[in-house]
């Protein structure tokens, strides 16, 4: 089992920055993929960014150039630096870790609220 704990959410004005952290613990494989997802009220959960265990990243166009995902494998911690925040970035942000030969083991954190005021 893997436990994921997010931190760093909060209230920020538009144009501001926040950094989220996700600490992983438990039975973590060397080869895995981690990511951030978000869900706004009344909307489906969507991808924010992903990063492989060797640092390969992926972003949707909505956050590309504003958000940066990173990880510290020695600390089993993943980060999301969010700059130039917009009100539409308001959501609960979730940490996800997938591992296994076909990423069949899938774990989620409880989420952290990010609110961007206009």
PDB file of N, CA and C in Angstrom:
ATOM      1  N   UNK A   1       0.830  -1.202   0.000  1.00  0.00           N
ATOM      2  CA  UNK A   1       0.000   0.000   0.000  1.00  0.00           C
ATOM      3  C   UNK A   1       0.863   1.249   0.000  1.00  0.00           C
ATOM      4  N   UNK A   2       0.329   2.306  -0.561  1.00  0.00           N
ATOM      5  CA  UNK A   2       1.012   3.594  -0.613  1.00  0.00           C
ATOM      6  C   UNK A   2       0.078   4.651  -0.046  1.00  0.00           C
ATOM      7  N   UNK A   3       0.641   5.528   0.765  1.00  0.00           N
ATOM      8  CA  UNK A   3      -0.118   6.649   1.291  1.00  0.00           C
ATOM      9  C   UNK A   3       0.448   7.934   0.680  1.00  0.00           C
ATOM     10  N   UNK A   4      -0.456   8.824   0.305  1.00  0.00           N
ATOM     11  CA  UNK A   4      -0.086  10.102  -0.291  1.00  0.00           C
ATOM     12  C   UNK A   4      -0.706  11.230   0.526  1.00  0.00           C
ATOM     13  N   UNK A   5       0.105  12.215   0.854  1.00  0.00           N
ATOM     14  CA  UNK A   5      -0.399  13.340   1.642  1.00  0.00           C
ATOM     15  C   UNK A   5      -0.010  14.644   0.962  1.00  0.00           C
ATOM     16  N   UNK A   6      -1.020  15.396   0.544  1.00  0.00           N
ATOM     17  CA  UNK A   6      -0.791  16.691  -0.086  1.00  0.00           C
ATOM     18  C   UNK A   6      -0.732  17.801   0.960  1.00  0.00           C
ATOM     19  N   UNK A   7      -0.017  18.856   0.626  1.00  0.00           N
ATOM     20  CA  UNK A   7       0.030  20.050   1.462  1.00  0.00           C
ATOM     21  C   UNK A   7       0.362  21.244   0.575  1.00  0.00           C
ATOM     22  N   UNK A   8       0.129  22.437   1.111  1.00  0.00           N
ATOM     23  CA  UNK A   8       0.510  23.651   0.409  1.00  0.00           C
ATOM     24  C   UNK A   8      -0.615  24.423  -0.237  1.00  0.00           C
ATOM     25  N   UNK A   9      -1.819  23.886  -0.173  1.00  0.00           N
ATOM     26  CA  UNK A   9      -2.943  24.617  -0.754  1.00  0.00           C
ATOM     27  C   UNK A   9      -3.289  25.844   0.069  1.00  0.00           C
ATOM     28  N   UNK A  10      -4.177  26.665  -0.479  1.00  0.00           N
ATOM     29  CA  UNK A  10      -4.598  27.854   0.247  1.00  0.00           C
ATOM     30  C   UNK A  10      -5.285  28.843  -0.656  1.00  0.00           C
ATOM     31  N   UNK A  11      -5.408  30.053  -0.151  1.00  0.00           N
ATOM     32  CA  UNK A  11      -6.058  31.148  -0.869  1.00  0.00           C
ATOM     33  C   UNK A  11      -4.987  32.101  -1.379  1.00  0.00           C
ATOM     34  N   UNK A  12      -5.083  32.457  -2.647  1.00  0.00           N
ATOM     35  CA  UNK A  12      -4.106  33.361  -3.249  1.00  0.00           C
ATOM     36  C   UNK A  12      -4.826  34.258  -4.250  1.00  0.00           C
ATOM     37  N   UNK A  13      -4.297  35.445  -4.458  1.00  0.00           N
ATOM     38  CA  UNK A  13      -4.887  36.350  -5.438  1.00  0.00           C
ATOM     39  C   UNK A  13      -4.440  35.965  -6.847  1.00  0.00           C
ATOM     40  N   UNK A  14      -5.238  36.334  -7.806  1.00  0.00           N
ATOM     41  CA  UNK A  14      -4.884  36.089  -9.201  1.00  0.00           C
ATOM     42  C   UNK A  14      -3.522  36.705  -9.502  1.00  0.00           C
ATOM     43  N   UNK A  15      -2.705  35.944 -10.234  1.00  0.00           N
ATOM     44  CA  UNK A  15      -1.357  36.372 -10.535  1.00  0.00           C
ATOM     45  C   UNK A  15      -0.324  35.884  -9.537  1.00  0.00           C
ATOM     46  N   UNK A  16      -0.785  35.348  -8.430  1.00  0.00           N
ATOM     47  CA  UNK A  16       0.103  34.875  -7.389  1.00  0.00           C
ATOM     48  C   UNK A  16       0.615  33.470  -7.639  1.00  0.00           C
ATOM     49  N   UNK A  17       1.332  32.961  -6.647  1.00  0.00           N
ATOM     50  CA  UNK A  17       1.962  31.641  -6.761  1.00  0.00           C
ATOM     51  C   UNK A  17       1.690  30.799  -5.523  1.00  0.00           C
ATOM     52  N   UNK A  18       1.698  29.501  -5.734  1.00  0.00           N
ATOM     53  CA  UNK A  18       1.626  28.528  -4.647  1.00  0.00           C
ATOM     54  C   UNK A  18       2.495  27.336  -5.022  1.00  0.00           C
ATOM     55  N   UNK A  19       2.993  26.641  -4.008  1.00  0.00           N
ATOM     56  CA  UNK A  19       3.700  25.392  -4.267  1.00  0.00           C
ATOM     57  C   UNK A  19       3.043  24.278  -3.468  1.00  0.00           C
ATOM     58  N   UNK A  20       2.601  23.259  -4.170  1.00  0.00           N
ATOM     59  CA  UNK A  20       2.016  22.087  -3.542  1.00  0.00           C
ATOM     60  C   UNK A  20       3.077  21.007  -3.366  1.00  0.00           C
ATOM     61  N   UNK A  21       2.909  20.240  -2.306  1.00  0.00           N
ATOM     62  CA  UNK A  21       3.788  19.093  -2.070  1.00  0.00           C
ATOM     63  C   UNK A  21       2.937  17.842  -1.894  1.00  0.00           C
ATOM     64  N   UNK A  22       3.514  16.715  -2.278  1.00  0.00           N
ATOM     65  CA  UNK A  22       2.860  15.417  -2.080  1.00  0.00           C
ATOM     66  C   UNK A  22       3.913  14.461  -1.543  1.00  0.00           C
ATOM     67  N   UNK A  23       3.739  14.049  -0.294  1.00  0.00           N
ATOM     68  CA  UNK A  23       4.665  13.108   0.335  1.00  0.00           C
ATOM     69  C   UNK A  23       4.104  11.699   0.232  1.00  0.00           C
ATOM     70  N   UNK A  24       4.899  10.815  -0.321  1.00  0.00           N
ATOM     71  CA  UNK A  24       4.482   9.422  -0.477  1.00  0.00           C
ATOM     72  C   UNK A  24       5.190   8.547   0.544  1.00  0.00           C
ATOM     73  N   UNK A  25       4.467   7.560   1.054  1.00  0.00           N
ATOM     74  CA  UNK A  25       5.055   6.610   1.990  1.00  0.00           C
ATOM     75  C   UNK A  25       4.459   5.233   1.736  1.00  0.00           C
ATOM     76  N   UNK A  26       5.141   4.213   2.236  1.00  0.00           N
ATOM     77  CA  UNK A  26       4.668   2.848   2.047  1.00  0.00           C
ATOM     78  C   UNK A  26       5.533   2.083   1.054  1.00  0.00           C
ATOM     79  N   UNK A  27       4.899   1.165   0.345  1.00  0.00           N
ATOM     80  CA  UNK A  27       5.604   0.280  -0.584  1.00  0.00           C
ATOM     81  C   UNK A  27       5.702   0.929  -1.963  1.00  0.00           C
ATOM     82  N   UNK A  28       6.709   1.759  -2.131  1.00  0.00           N
ATOM     83  CA  UNK A  28       6.877   2.518  -3.369  1.00  0.00           C
ATOM     84  C   UNK A  28       7.898   1.829  -4.254  1.00  0.00           C
ATOM     85  N   UNK A  29       7.501   1.547  -5.487  1.00  0.00           N
ATOM     86  CA  UNK A  29       8.402   0.919  -6.441  1.00  0.00           C
ATOM     87  C   UNK A  29       9.350   1.967  -7.022  1.00  0.00           C
ATOM     88  N   UNK A  30      10.510   1.520  -7.478  1.00  0.00           N
ATOM     89  CA  UNK A  30      11.471   2.446  -8.087  1.00  0.00           C
ATOM     90  C   UNK A  30      10.919   3.053  -9.370  1.00  0.00           C
ATOM     91  N   UNK A  31      10.164   2.228 -10.123  1.00  0.00           N
ATOM     92  CA  UNK A  31       9.596   2.694 -11.376  1.00  0.00           C
ATOM     93  C   UNK A  31       8.131   3.034 -11.136  1.00  0.00           C
ATOM     94  N   UNK A  32       7.791   4.322 -11.247  1.00  0.00           N
ATOM     95  CA  UNK A  32       6.404   4.738 -11.044  1.00  0.00           C
ATOM     96  C   UNK A  32       6.165   6.046 -11.778  1.00  0.00           C
ATOM     97  N   UNK A  33       4.948   6.431 -11.800  1.00  0.00           N
ATOM     98  CA  UNK A  33       4.596   7.720 -12.389  1.00  0.00           C
ATOM     99  C   UNK A  33       3.694   8.452 -11.411  1.00  0.00           C
ATOM    100  N   UNK A  34       4.012   9.718 -11.153  1.00  0.00           N
ATOM    101  CA  UNK A  34       3.222  10.522 -10.237  1.00  0.00           C
ATOM    102  C   UNK A  34       2.587  11.674 -10.995  1.00  0.00           C
ATOM    103  N   UNK A  35       1.545  12.203 -10.413  1.00  0.00           N
ATOM    104  CA  UNK A  35       0.892  13.304 -11.106  1.00  0.00           C
ATOM    105  C   UNK A  35       0.001  14.115 -10.194  1.00  0.00           C
ATOM    106  N   UNK A  36      -0.367  15.273 -10.694  1.00  0.00           N
ATOM    107  CA  UNK A  36      -1.333  16.152 -10.051  1.00  0.00           C
ATOM    108  C   UNK A  36      -2.571  16.221 -10.930  1.00  0.00           C
ATOM    109  N   UNK A  37      -3.708  16.154 -10.278  1.00  0.00           N
ATOM    110  CA  UNK A  37      -4.995  16.302 -10.941  1.00  0.00           C
ATOM    111  C   UNK A  37      -5.803  17.304 -10.134  1.00  0.00           C
ATOM    112  N   UNK A  38      -6.832  17.851 -10.741  1.00  0.00           N
ATOM    113  CA  UNK A  38      -7.675  18.792 -10.014  1.00  0.00           C
ATOM    114  C   UNK A  38      -9.127  18.609 -10.395  1.00  0.00           C
ATOM    115  N   UNK A  39      -9.973  19.010  -9.450  1.00  0.00           N
ATOM    116  CA  UNK A  39     -11.404  18.925  -9.682  1.00  0.00           C
ATOM    117  C   UNK A  39     -12.082  20.156  -9.124  1.00  0.00           C
ATOM    118  N   UNK A  40     -12.703  20.902 -10.007  1.00  0.00           N
ATOM    119  CA  UNK A  40     -13.465  22.085  -9.612  1.00  0.00           C
ATOM    120  C   UNK A  40     -14.915  21.674  -9.367  1.00  0.00           C
ATOM    121  N   UNK A  41     -15.655  22.450  -8.589  1.00  0.00           N
ATOM    122  CA  UNK A  41     -17.053  22.111  -8.320  1.00  0.00           C
ATOM    123  C   UNK A  41     -17.862  21.944  -9.604  1.00  0.00           C
ATOM    124  N   UNK A  42     -18.561  20.830  -9.701  1.00  0.00           N
ATOM    125  CA  UNK A  42     -19.408  20.576 -10.849  1.00  0.00           C
ATOM    126  C   UNK A  42     -18.679  20.132 -12.102  1.00  0.00           C
ATOM    127  N   UNK A  43     -17.375  19.915 -11.977  1.00  0.00           N
ATOM    128  CA  UNK A  43     -16.594  19.508 -13.146  1.00  0.00           C
ATOM    129  C   UNK A  43     -15.918  18.172 -12.891  1.00  0.00           C
ATOM    130  N   UNK A  44     -15.483  17.543 -13.974  1.00  0.00           N
ATOM    131  CA  UNK A  44     -14.763  16.279 -13.856  1.00  0.00           C
ATOM    132  C   UNK A  44     -13.315  16.532 -13.435  1.00  0.00           C
ATOM    133  N   UNK A  45     -12.741  15.532 -12.808  1.00  0.00           N
ATOM    134  CA  UNK A  45     -11.335  15.625 -12.441  1.00  0.00           C
ATOM    135  C   UNK A  45     -10.497  15.659 -13.719  1.00  0.00           C
ATOM    136  N   UNK A  46      -9.486  16.531 -13.725  1.00  0.00           N
ATOM    137  CA  UNK A  46      -8.665  16.676 -14.921  1.00  0.00           C
ATOM    138  C   UNK A  46      -7.189  16.644 -14.576  1.00  0.00           C
ATOM    139  N   UNK A  47      -6.408  16.271 -15.586  1.00  0.00           N
ATOM    140  CA  UNK A  47      -4.969  16.210 -15.449  1.00  0.00           C
ATOM    141  C   UNK A  47      -4.377  17.610 -15.335  1.00  0.00           C
ATOM    142  N   UNK A  48      -3.412  17.754 -14.437  1.00  0.00           N
ATOM    143  CA  UNK A  48      -2.657  19.001 -14.317  1.00  0.00           C
ATOM    144  C   UNK A  48      -1.221  18.798 -14.796  1.00  0.00           C
ATOM    145  N   UNK A  49      -0.596  17.731 -14.337  1.00  0.00           N
ATOM    146  CA  UNK A  49       0.778  17.440 -14.739  1.00  0.00           C
ATOM    147  C   UNK A  49       1.140  16.045 -14.269  1.00  0.00           C
ATOM    148  N   UNK A  50       2.038  15.402 -15.010  1.00  0.00           N
ATOM    149  CA  UNK A  50       2.574  14.122 -14.574  1.00  0.00           C
ATOM    150  C   UNK A  50       4.087  14.111 -14.720  1.00  0.00           C
ATOM    151  N   UNK A  51       4.718  13.231 -13.946  1.00  0.00           N
ATOM    152  CA  UNK A  51       6.167  13.103 -13.999  1.00  0.00           C
ATOM    153  C   UNK A  51       6.540  11.651 -13.737  1.00  0.00           C
ATOM    154  N   UNK A  52       7.457  11.145 -14.555  1.00  0.00           N
ATOM    155  CA  UNK A  52       7.903   9.772 -14.375  1.00  0.00           C
ATOM    156  C   UNK A  52       9.015   9.727 -13.335  1.00  0.00           C
ATOM    157  N   UNK A  53       9.422   8.520 -12.988  1.00  0.00           N
ATOM    158  CA  UNK A  53      10.475   8.365 -11.993  1.00  0.00           C
ATOM    159  C   UNK A  53      11.830   8.857 -12.513  1.00  0.00           C
ATOM    160  N   UNK A  54      11.947   9.034 -13.828  1.00  0.00           N
ATOM    161  CA  UNK A  54      13.202   9.568 -14.389  1.00  0.00           C
ATOM    162  C   UNK A  54      13.047  11.029 -14.790  1.00  0.00           C
ATOM    163  N   UNK A  55      11.911  11.624 -14.476  1.00  0.00           N
ATOM    164  CA  UNK A  55      11.752  13.058 -14.670  1.00  0.00           C
ATOM    165  C   UNK A  55      11.062  13.509 -15.936  1.00  0.00           C
ATOM    166  N   UNK A  56      10.532  12.609 -16.712  1.00  0.00           N
ATOM    167  CA  UNK A  56       9.782  12.997 -17.908  1.00  0.00           C
ATOM    168  C   UNK A  56       8.445  13.610 -17.495  1.00  0.00           C
ATOM    169  N   UNK A  57       8.154  14.793 -18.008  1.00  0.00           N
ATOM    170  CA  UNK A  57       6.955  15.517 -17.587  1.00  0.00           C
ATOM    171  C   UNK A  57       5.949  15.665 -18.723  1.00  0.00           C
ATOM    172  N   UNK A  58       4.719  15.943 -18.315  1.00  0.00           N
ATOM    173  CA  UNK A  58       3.639  16.137 -19.275  1.00  0.00           C
ATOM    174  C   UNK A  58       2.658  17.136 -18.693  1.00  0.00           C
ATOM    175  N   UNK A  59       2.226  18.107 -19.512  1.00  0.00           N
ATOM    176  CA  UNK A  59       1.279  19.135 -19.079  1.00  0.00           C
ATOM    177  C   UNK A  59       0.211  19.341 -20.151  1.00  0.00           C
ATOM    178  N   UNK A  60      -1.002  19.633 -19.734  1.00  0.00           N
ATOM    179  CA  UNK A  60      -1.989  20.079 -20.719  1.00  0.00           C
ATOM    180  C   UNK A  60      -1.727  21.543 -21.059  1.00  0.00           C
ATOM    181  N   UNK A  61      -2.293  21.999 -22.152  1.00  0.00           N
ATOM    182  CA  UNK A  61      -2.069  23.384 -22.582  1.00  0.00           C
ATOM    183  C   UNK A  61      -2.552  24.404 -21.549  1.00  0.00           C
ATOM    184  N   UNK A  62      -3.548  24.051 -20.761  1.00  0.00           N
ATOM    185  CA  UNK A  62      -4.134  25.000 -19.818  1.00  0.00           C
ATOM    186  C   UNK A  62      -3.163  25.462 -18.731  1.00  0.00           C
ATOM    187  N   UNK A  63      -2.136  24.666 -18.455  1.00  0.00           N
ATOM    188  CA  UNK A  63      -1.192  25.050 -17.400  1.00  0.00           C
ATOM    189  C   UNK A  63       0.247  25.157 -17.910  1.00  0.00           C
ATOM    190  N   UNK A  64       0.473  24.769 -19.149  1.00  0.00           N
ATOM    191  CA  UNK A  64       1.835  24.767 -19.690  1.00  0.00           C
ATOM    192  C   UNK A  64       2.415  26.179 -19.640  1.00  0.00           C
ATOM    193  N   UNK A  65       3.633  26.285 -19.151  1.00  0.00           N
ATOM    194  CA  UNK A  65       4.285  27.583 -19.027  1.00  0.00           C
ATOM    195  C   UNK A  65       4.019  28.292 -17.716  1.00  0.00           C
ATOM    196  N   UNK A  66       3.019  27.826 -16.968  1.00  0.00           N
ATOM    197  CA  UNK A  66       2.699  28.445 -15.679  1.00  0.00           C
ATOM    198  C   UNK A  66       3.008  27.504 -14.510  1.00  0.00           C
ATOM    199  N   UNK A  67       2.786  26.223 -14.724  1.00  0.00           N
ATOM    200  CA  UNK A  67       2.993  25.233 -13.665  1.00  0.00           C
ATOM    201  C   UNK A  67       4.225  24.394 -13.971  1.00  0.00           C
ATOM    202  N   UNK A  68       4.927  23.991 -12.918  1.00  0.00           N
ATOM    203  CA  UNK A  68       6.090  23.117 -13.064  1.00  0.00           C
ATOM    204  C   UNK A  68       6.012  21.990 -12.050  1.00  0.00           C
ATOM    205  N   UNK A  69       6.056  20.770 -12.550  1.00  0.00           N
ATOM    206  CA  UNK A  69       6.049  19.599 -11.682  1.00  0.00           C
ATOM    207  C   UNK A  69       7.482  19.114 -11.493  1.00  0.00           C
ATOM    208  N   UNK A  70       7.786  18.643 -10.293  1.00  0.00           N
ATOM    209  CA  UNK A  70       9.111  18.108 -10.016  1.00  0.00           C
ATOM    210  C   UNK A  70       8.985  17.054  -8.931  1.00  0.00           C
ATOM    211  N   UNK A  71      10.060  16.331  -8.715  1.00  0.00           N
ATOM    212  CA  UNK A  71      10.034  15.312  -7.670  1.00  0.00           C
ATOM    213  C   UNK A  71      11.428  15.114  -7.099  1.00  0.00           C
ATOM    214  N   UNK A  72      11.451  14.689  -5.842  1.00  0.00           N
ATOM    215  CA  UNK A  72      12.681  14.339  -5.157  1.00  0.00           C
ATOM    216  C   UNK A  72      12.551  12.867  -4.775  1.00  0.00           C
ATOM    217  N   UNK A  73      13.160  11.996  -5.546  1.00  0.00           N
ATOM    218  CA  UNK A  73      12.992  10.565  -5.316  1.00  0.00           C
ATOM    219  C   UNK A  73      13.573  10.123  -3.973  1.00  0.00           C
ATOM    220  N   UNK A  74      14.613  10.802  -3.523  1.00  0.00           N
ATOM    221  CA  UNK A  74      15.213  10.442  -2.235  1.00  0.00           C
ATOM    222  C   UNK A  74      14.234  10.701  -1.085  1.00  0.00           C
ATOM    223  N   UNK A  75      13.383  11.688  -1.255  1.00  0.00           N
ATOM    224  CA  UNK A  75      12.405  12.034  -0.220  1.00  0.00           C
ATOM    225  C   UNK A  75      11.014  11.497  -0.529  1.00  0.00           C
ATOM    226  N   UNK A  76      10.870  10.824  -1.667  1.00  0.00           N
ATOM    227  CA  UNK A  76       9.541  10.327  -2.098  1.00  0.00           C
ATOM    228  C   UNK A  76       8.508  11.455  -2.071  1.00  0.00           C
ATOM    229  N   UNK A  77       8.911  12.595  -2.579  1.00  0.00           N
ATOM    230  CA  UNK A  77       8.046  13.767  -2.550  1.00  0.00           C
ATOM    231  C   UNK A  77       7.970  14.382  -3.944  1.00  0.00           C
ATOM    232  N   UNK A  78       6.768  14.815  -4.286  1.00  0.00           N
ATOM    233  CA  UNK A  78       6.512  15.473  -5.559  1.00  0.00           C
ATOM    234  C   UNK A  78       6.024  16.886  -5.281  1.00  0.00           C
ATOM    235  N   UNK A  79       6.319  17.787  -6.196  1.00  0.00           N
ATOM    236  CA  UNK A  79       5.953  19.183  -6.021  1.00  0.00           C
ATOM    237  C   UNK A  79       5.219  19.707  -7.256  1.00  0.00           C
ATOM    238  N   UNK A  80       4.453  20.755  -7.038  1.00  0.00           N
ATOM    239  CA  UNK A  80       3.830  21.477  -8.143  1.00  0.00           C
ATOM    240  C   UNK A  80       3.979  22.960  -7.854  1.00  0.00           C
ATOM    241  N   UNK A  81       4.826  23.613  -8.618  1.00  0.00           N
ATOM    242  CA  UNK A  81       4.977  25.056  -8.517  1.00  0.00           C
ATOM    243  C   UNK A  81       3.979  25.695  -9.465  1.00  0.00           C
ATOM    244  N   UNK A  82       3.093  26.495  -8.907  1.00  0.00           N
ATOM    245  CA  UNK A  82       2.049  27.130  -9.701  1.00  0.00           C
ATOM    246  C   UNK A  82       2.252  28.631  -9.692  1.00  0.00           C
ATOM    247  N   UNK A  83       2.501  29.192 -10.851  1.00  0.00           N
ATOM    248  CA  UNK A  83       2.701  30.633 -11.003  1.00  0.00           C
ATOM    249  C   UNK A  83       1.602  31.226 -11.867  1.00  0.00           C
ATOM    250  N   UNK A  84       1.488  32.533 -11.819  1.00  0.00           N
ATOM    251  CA  UNK A  84       0.483  33.252 -12.630  1.00  0.00           C
ATOM    252  C   UNK A  84      -0.893  32.601 -12.493  1.00  0.00           C
ATOM    253  N   UNK A  85      -1.288  32.357 -11.268  1.00  0.00           N
ATOM    254  CA  UNK A  85      -2.550  31.662 -11.018  1.00  0.00           C
ATOM    255  C   UNK A  85      -3.735  32.498 -11.475  1.00  0.00           C
ATOM    256  N   UNK A  86      -4.757  31.783 -11.956  1.00  0.00           N
ATOM    257  CA  UNK A  86      -5.979  32.397 -12.449  1.00  0.00           C
ATOM    258  C   UNK A  86      -7.153  31.878 -11.632  1.00  0.00           C
ATOM    259  N   UNK A  87      -8.249  32.633 -11.579  1.00  0.00           N
ATOM    260  CA  UNK A  87      -9.431  32.140 -10.844  1.00  0.00           C
ATOM    261  C   UNK A  87      -9.888  30.762 -11.333  1.00  0.00           C
ATOM    262  N   UNK A  88      -9.722  30.482 -12.607  1.00  0.00           N
ATOM    263  CA  UNK A  88     -10.130  29.185 -13.137  1.00  0.00           C
ATOM    264  C   UNK A  88      -9.234  28.031 -12.686  1.00  0.00           C
ATOM    265  N   UNK A  89      -8.150  28.339 -11.992  1.00  0.00           N
ATOM    266  CA  UNK A  89      -7.317  27.286 -11.406  1.00  0.00           C
ATOM    267  C   UNK A  89      -7.876  26.815 -10.061  1.00  0.00           C
ATOM    268  N   UNK A  90      -8.896  27.484  -9.582  1.00  0.00           N
ATOM    269  CA  UNK A  90      -9.515  27.107  -8.311  1.00  0.00           C
ATOM    270  C   UNK A  90     -10.074  25.693  -8.396  1.00  0.00           C
ATOM    271  N   UNK A  91      -9.655  24.846  -7.467  1.00  0.00           N
ATOM    272  CA  UNK A  91     -10.077  23.445  -7.473  1.00  0.00           C
ATOM    273  C   UNK A  91      -9.462  22.739  -6.269  1.00  0.00           C
ATOM    274  N   UNK A  92      -9.896  21.510  -6.066  1.00  0.00           N
ATOM    275  CA  UNK A  92      -9.183  20.621  -5.154  1.00  0.00           C
ATOM    276  C   UNK A  92      -8.123  19.904  -5.975  1.00  0.00           C
ATOM    277  N   UNK A  93      -6.888  19.952  -5.512  1.00  0.00           N
ATOM    278  CA  UNK A  93      -5.774  19.337  -6.224  1.00  0.00           C
ATOM    279  C   UNK A  93      -5.406  18.011  -5.551  1.00  0.00           C
ATOM    280  N   UNK A  94      -5.326  16.983  -6.382  1.00  0.00           N
ATOM    281  CA  UNK A  94      -5.055  15.645  -5.898  1.00  0.00           C
ATOM    282  C   UNK A  94      -3.723  15.128  -6.414  1.00  0.00           C
ATOM    283  N   UNK A  95      -3.047  14.409  -5.556  1.00  0.00           N
ATOM    284  CA  UNK A  95      -1.814  13.726  -5.898  1.00  0.00           C
ATOM    285  C   UNK A  95      -2.147  12.280  -6.281  1.00  0.00           C
ATOM    286  N   UNK A  96      -1.454  11.764  -7.284  1.00  0.00           N
ATOM    287  CA  UNK A  96      -1.685  10.393  -7.740  1.00  0.00           C
ATOM    288  C   UNK A  96      -0.352   9.701  -7.977  1.00  0.00           C
ATOM    289  N   UNK A  97      -0.287   8.438  -7.623  1.00  0.00           N
ATOM    290  CA  UNK A  97       0.890   7.619  -7.897  1.00  0.00           C
ATOM    291  C   UNK A  97       0.422   6.305  -8.512  1.00  0.00           C
ATOM    292  N   UNK A  98       1.033   5.934  -9.639  1.00  0.00           N
ATOM    293  CA  UNK A  98       0.744   4.667 -10.300  1.00  0.00           C
ATOM    294  C   UNK A  98       2.044   3.889 -10.435  1.00  0.00           C
ATOM    295  N   UNK A  99       1.962   2.606 -10.173  1.00  0.00           N
ATOM    296  CA  UNK A  99       3.146   1.778 -10.293  1.00  0.00           C
ATOM    297  C   UNK A  99       2.756   0.356 -10.651  1.00  0.00           C
ATOM    298  N   UNK A 100       3.755  -0.432 -11.039  1.00  0.00           N
ATOM    299  CA  UNK A 100       3.504  -1.784 -11.522  1.00  0.00           C
ATOM    300  C   UNK A 100       3.805  -1.855 -13.000  1.00  0.00           C
ATOM    301  N   UNK A 101       3.911  -3.076 -13.519  1.00  0.00           N
ATOM    302  CA  UNK A 101       4.284  -3.274 -14.919  1.00  0.00           C
ATOM    303  C   UNK A 101       3.340  -2.570 -15.875  1.00  0.00           C
ATOM    304  N   UNK A 102       2.068  -2.523 -15.554  1.00  0.00           N
ATOM    305  CA  UNK A 102       1.074  -1.828 -16.384  1.00  0.00           C
ATOM    306  C   UNK A 102       0.383  -0.722 -15.593  1.00  0.00           C
ATOM    307  N   UNK A 103       1.093  -0.201 -14.626  1.00  0.00           N
ATOM    308  CA  UNK A 103       0.539   0.853 -13.745  1.00  0.00           C
ATOM    309  C   UNK A 103      -0.787   0.406 -13.129  1.00  0.00           C
ATOM    310  N   UNK A 104      -0.842  -0.865 -12.775  1.00  0.00           N
ATOM    311  CA  UNK A 104      -2.092  -1.386 -12.246  1.00  0.00           C
ATOM    312  C   UNK A 104      -2.351  -1.005 -10.798  1.00  0.00           C
ATOM    313  N   UNK A 105      -1.307  -0.564 -10.118  1.00  0.00           N
ATOM    314  CA  UNK A 105      -1.480  -0.110  -8.738  1.00  0.00           C
ATOM    315  C   UNK A 105      -1.652   1.412  -8.763  1.00  0.00           C
ATOM    316  N   UNK A 106      -2.756   1.873  -8.268  1.00  0.00           N
ATOM    317  CA  UNK A 106      -3.169   3.264  -8.472  1.00  0.00           C
ATOM    318  C   UNK A 106      -3.606   3.848  -7.139  1.00  0.00           C
ATOM    319  N   UNK A 107      -2.914   4.909  -6.700  1.00  0.00           N
ATOM    320  CA  UNK A 107      -3.179   5.492  -5.395  1.00  0.00           C
ATOM    321  C   UNK A 107      -3.446   6.987  -5.528  1.00  0.00           C
ATOM    322  N   UNK A 108      -4.342   7.489  -4.670  1.00  0.00           N
ATOM    323  CA  UNK A 108      -4.702   8.911  -4.663  1.00  0.00           C
ATOM    324  C   UNK A 108      -4.573   9.477  -3.262  1.00  0.00           C
ATOM    325  N   UNK A 109      -4.237  10.753  -3.201  1.00  0.00           N
ATOM    326  CA  UNK A 109      -4.263  11.461  -1.945  1.00  0.00           C
ATOM    327  C   UNK A 109      -5.652  12.000  -1.667  1.00  0.00           C
ATOM    328  N   UNK A 110      -5.796  12.679  -0.524  1.00  0.00           N
ATOM    329  CA  UNK A 110      -7.097  13.197  -0.108  1.00  0.00           C
ATOM    330  C   UNK A 110      -7.422  14.542  -0.749  1.00  0.00           C
ATOM    331  N   UNK A 111      -6.414  15.212  -1.263  1.00  0.00           N
ATOM    332  CA  UNK A 111      -6.639  16.485  -1.941  1.00  0.00           C
ATOM    333  C   UNK A 111      -6.350  17.681  -1.057  1.00  0.00           C
ATOM    334  N   UNK A 112      -6.013  18.784  -1.712  1.00  0.00           N
ATOM    335  CA  UNK A 112      -5.793  20.048  -1.022  1.00  0.00           C
ATOM    336  C   UNK A 112      -6.456  21.155  -1.834  1.00  0.00           C
ATOM    337  N   UNK A 113      -7.135  22.049  -1.131  1.00  0.00           N
ATOM    338  CA  UNK A 113      -7.914  23.091  -1.803  1.00  0.00           C
ATOM    339  C   UNK A 113      -7.015  24.240  -2.232  1.00  0.00           C
ATOM    340  N   UNK A 114      -7.170  24.658  -3.468  1.00  0.00           N
ATOM    341  CA  UNK A 114      -6.519  25.857  -3.987  1.00  0.00           C
ATOM    342  C   UNK A 114      -7.615  26.807  -4.444  1.00  0.00           C
ATOM    343  N   UNK A 115      -7.601  28.004  -3.893  1.00  0.00           N
ATOM    344  CA  UNK A 115      -8.602  29.010  -4.250  1.00  0.00           C
ATOM    345  C   UNK A 115      -7.880  30.260  -4.736  1.00  0.00           C
ATOM    346  N   UNK A 116      -8.222  30.696  -5.941  1.00  0.00           N
ATOM    347  CA  UNK A 116      -7.610  31.882  -6.532  1.00  0.00           C
ATOM    348  C   UNK A 116      -8.683  32.946  -6.651  1.00  0.00           C
ATOM    349  N   UNK A 117      -8.475  34.053  -5.963  1.00  0.00           N
ATOM    350  CA  UNK A 117      -9.457  35.138  -5.993  1.00  0.00           C
ATOM    351  C   UNK A 117      -9.110  36.141  -7.089  1.00  0.00           C
ATOM    352  N   UNK A 118     -10.157  36.746  -7.642  1.00  0.00           N
ATOM    353  CA  UNK A 118      -9.939  37.719  -8.738  1.00  0.00           C
ATOM    354  C   UNK A 118      -9.774  39.125  -8.205  1.00  0.00           C
TER     355      UNK A 118
END
